């Protein structure tokens, strides 16, 4: 795991410096042993793996991918209090107020850890609570 923490930023820097294509980013994920699919993207959001999320997004992954319950990457990054991943997803234009199948939004998920920076980021960006919390 620690090796990937060192390698992924270097890979991102090299890809950026070379003016790489989305296919290059997908290949980089593959070389890191990361499968290119929506489930893996959401799993890395849950883990707060910002560098891998950047590779997914640069590779063309849909920012608004949903799992079987309607959860998005932003919701899961926020749920686990991952500030850097939450910030990345907000910066890339994630829908702050998308609702899952129960009407919960990212701010609802982040409220599990209200003192986290993720909660603060979402609130400052204009996120609102979903119907679940009202």
Protein backbone atom coordinates (compact mmCIF):
# COMPACT_ATOMS: atom_id res chain seq x y z
CA UNK A 1 0.00 0.00 0.00
CA UNK A 2 2.74 2.47 0.90
CA UNK A 3 4.45 1.84 -2.43
CA UNK A 4 1.28 2.86 -4.26
CA UNK A 5 1.12 6.05 -2.20
CA UNK A 6 4.53 6.95 -3.60
CA UNK A 7 4.08 5.65 -7.15
CA UNK A 8 0.64 7.05 -8.03
CA UNK A 9 1.59 10.74 -7.64
CA UNK A 10 4.68 10.14 -9.77
CA UNK A 11 2.57 8.43 -12.43
CA UNK A 12 0.13 11.35 -12.39
CA UNK A 13 2.96 13.84 -12.77
CA UNK A 14 4.47 11.94 -15.70
CA UNK A 15 1.11 11.58 -17.44
CA UNK A 16 0.40 15.28 -16.98
CA UNK A 17 3.84 16.29 -18.22
CA UNK A 18 3.51 14.15 -21.34
CA UNK A 19 0.07 15.47 -22.30
CA UNK A 20 -1.37 11.99 -21.99
CA UNK A 21 -4.70 10.67 -23.23
CA UNK A 22 -7.52 9.10 -21.26
CA UNK A 23 -6.32 5.71 -22.49
CA UNK A 24 -2.93 6.38 -20.89
CA UNK A 25 -4.64 7.00 -17.55
CA UNK A 26 -6.60 3.77 -17.86
CA UNK A 27 -3.40 1.88 -18.63
CA UNK A 28 -1.73 3.46 -15.61
CA UNK A 29 -4.55 2.18 -13.41
CA UNK A 30 -4.14 -1.28 -14.88
CA UNK A 31 -0.40 -1.20 -14.21
CA UNK A 32 -1.19 -0.34 -10.58
CA UNK A 33 -3.47 -3.36 -10.39
CA UNK A 34 -6.65 -1.27 -10.34
CA UNK A 35 -9.55 -2.50 -12.45
CA UNK A 36 -11.21 0.08 -14.69
CA UNK A 37 -14.87 -0.14 -13.69
CA UNK A 38 -17.49 1.81 -11.81
CA UNK A 39 -17.39 -0.44 -8.76
CA UNK A 40 -13.64 0.10 -8.37
CA UNK A 41 -14.08 3.85 -8.77
CA UNK A 42 -16.64 3.92 -5.96
CA UNK A 43 -14.49 1.67 -3.79
CA UNK A 44 -11.55 4.06 -4.13
CA UNK A 45 -13.83 6.97 -3.23
CA UNK A 46 -14.80 5.09 -0.05
CA UNK A 47 -11.10 4.64 0.72
CA UNK A 48 -10.35 8.29 -0.03
CA UNK A 49 -7.67 7.35 -2.55
CA UNK A 50 -7.37 10.77 -4.17
CA UNK A 51 -4.56 9.91 -6.58
CA UNK A 52 -6.37 6.87 -7.97
CA UNK A 53 -9.59 8.90 -8.23
CA UNK A 54 -7.65 11.45 -10.29
CA UNK A 55 -6.54 8.69 -12.66
CA UNK A 56 -10.11 7.44 -13.00
CA UNK A 57 -11.43 10.92 -13.74
CA UNK A 58 -8.62 11.72 -16.17
CA UNK A 59 -9.35 8.40 -17.82
CA UNK A 60 -12.93 9.45 -18.46
CA UNK A 61 -14.86 7.85 -15.60
CA UNK A 62 -18.29 9.42 -15.15
CA UNK A 63 -18.18 11.53 -11.99
CA UNK A 64 -21.81 10.70 -11.23
CA UNK A 65 -21.53 6.91 -11.33
CA UNK A 66 -23.95 5.28 -8.90
CA UNK A 67 -24.04 1.96 -7.12
CA UNK A 68 -27.12 -0.22 -6.65
CA UNK A 69 -28.40 2.05 -3.83
CA UNK A 70 -27.86 5.28 -5.77
CA UNK A 71 -24.71 6.22 -3.84
CA UNK A 72 -22.11 8.36 -5.60
CA UNK A 73 -18.36 8.74 -5.15
CA UNK A 74 -18.91 12.09 -3.43
CA UNK A 75 -21.32 10.54 -0.95
CA UNK A 76 -18.87 7.79 -0.04
CA UNK A 77 -15.83 10.03 0.23
CA UNK A 78 -17.86 12.33 2.50
CA UNK A 79 -19.24 9.45 4.56
CA UNK A 80 -15.74 8.38 5.50
CA UNK A 81 -14.48 11.91 6.13
CA UNK A 82 -11.93 11.87 3.31
CA UNK A 83 -11.23 15.58 2.89
CA UNK A 84 -8.84 15.42 -0.08
CA UNK A 85 -11.08 13.05 -2.05
CA UNK A 86 -14.18 15.10 -1.21
CA UNK A 87 -12.40 18.27 -2.29
CA UNK A 88 -11.26 16.67 -5.55
CA UNK A 89 -14.76 15.49 -6.41
CA UNK A 90 -16.30 18.86 -5.58
CA UNK A 91 -13.63 20.58 -7.67
CA UNK A 92 -14.37 18.29 -10.60
CA UNK A 93 -18.02 19.32 -10.47
CA UNK A 94 -19.71 16.47 -8.61
CA UNK A 95 -23.40 17.09 -8.00
CA UNK A 96 -23.45 18.25 -4.37
CA UNK A 97 -27.13 17.55 -4.00
CA UNK A 98 -27.60 14.29 -5.88
CA UNK A 99 -29.88 11.94 -3.94
CA UNK A 100 -29.48 8.23 -3.36
CA UNK A 101 -32.46 5.86 -3.46
CA UNK A 102 -33.52 6.94 0.04
CA UNK A 103 -33.27 10.66 -0.66
CA UNK A 104 -29.98 11.15 1.19
CA UNK A 105 -27.39 13.58 -0.14
CA UNK A 106 -23.65 13.94 0.36
CA UNK A 107 -24.16 16.27 3.33
CA UNK A 108 -26.33 13.60 4.99
CA UNK A 109 -23.52 11.10 4.51
CA UNK A 110 -20.92 13.56 5.83
CA UNK A 111 -23.03 14.27 8.92
CA UNK A 112 -21.84 10.94 10.33
CA UNK A 113 -18.62 12.86 11.07
CA UNK A 114 -19.83 16.49 11.40
CA UNK A 115 -16.45 17.71 12.68
CA UNK A 116 -14.68 16.37 9.62
CA UNK A 117 -13.34 18.64 6.97
CA UNK A 118 -15.49 16.82 4.42
CA UNK A 119 -18.64 18.04 6.12
CA UNK A 120 -17.25 21.57 6.25
CA UNK A 121 -16.26 21.48 2.57
CA UNK A 122 -19.70 20.35 1.47
CA UNK A 123 -21.49 22.90 3.62
CA UNK A 124 -19.25 25.72 2.35
CA UNK A 125 -19.84 24.61 -1.25
CA UNK A 126 -23.61 24.91 -0.80
CA UNK A 127 -24.61 21.31 -0.20
CA UNK A 128 -27.95 20.80 1.51
CA UNK A 129 -29.50 17.96 3.45
CA UNK A 130 -31.71 15.51 1.60
CA UNK A 131 -35.29 14.56 2.28
CA UNK A 132 -34.10 11.77 4.57
CA UNK A 133 -32.89 14.30 7.13
CA UNK A 134 -35.83 16.66 6.97
